[in-house]
Amino acid sequence: YDQQGISEKLKIGDQVLVERTWLKNNFSAKLENKWIGPYFIHEVLNDNVYKLRNLDGKLVKHVIHGNRLKKYHERRLEPIVII
């Protein structure tokens, strides 16, 4: 039953997205982005608690628990070739 509870360990320098948990009780939340970011892992404080910094290098005030993070994978778009 615990397969979904196991998440990969994040390392310093990994890019992550943060879940916007405050949207869950809002009616119009289904139209909003559920994830914001990307952010960089700045520091690993505990097994599953992280300090983040944004792309500008500024630290995020609060620490974030790992259950609100997911690894960010940058999209690589193929160039469109018109013949």
Foldseek 3Di string as FASTA:
>chain_A
DCPVVDDDFDDFFFWKWFAPVVLPPPPCSVVDDRTDATWTFHDDDDRFKTWTAHPVRHTDPDIDGNVRIDTDDDDDDDDDDDD
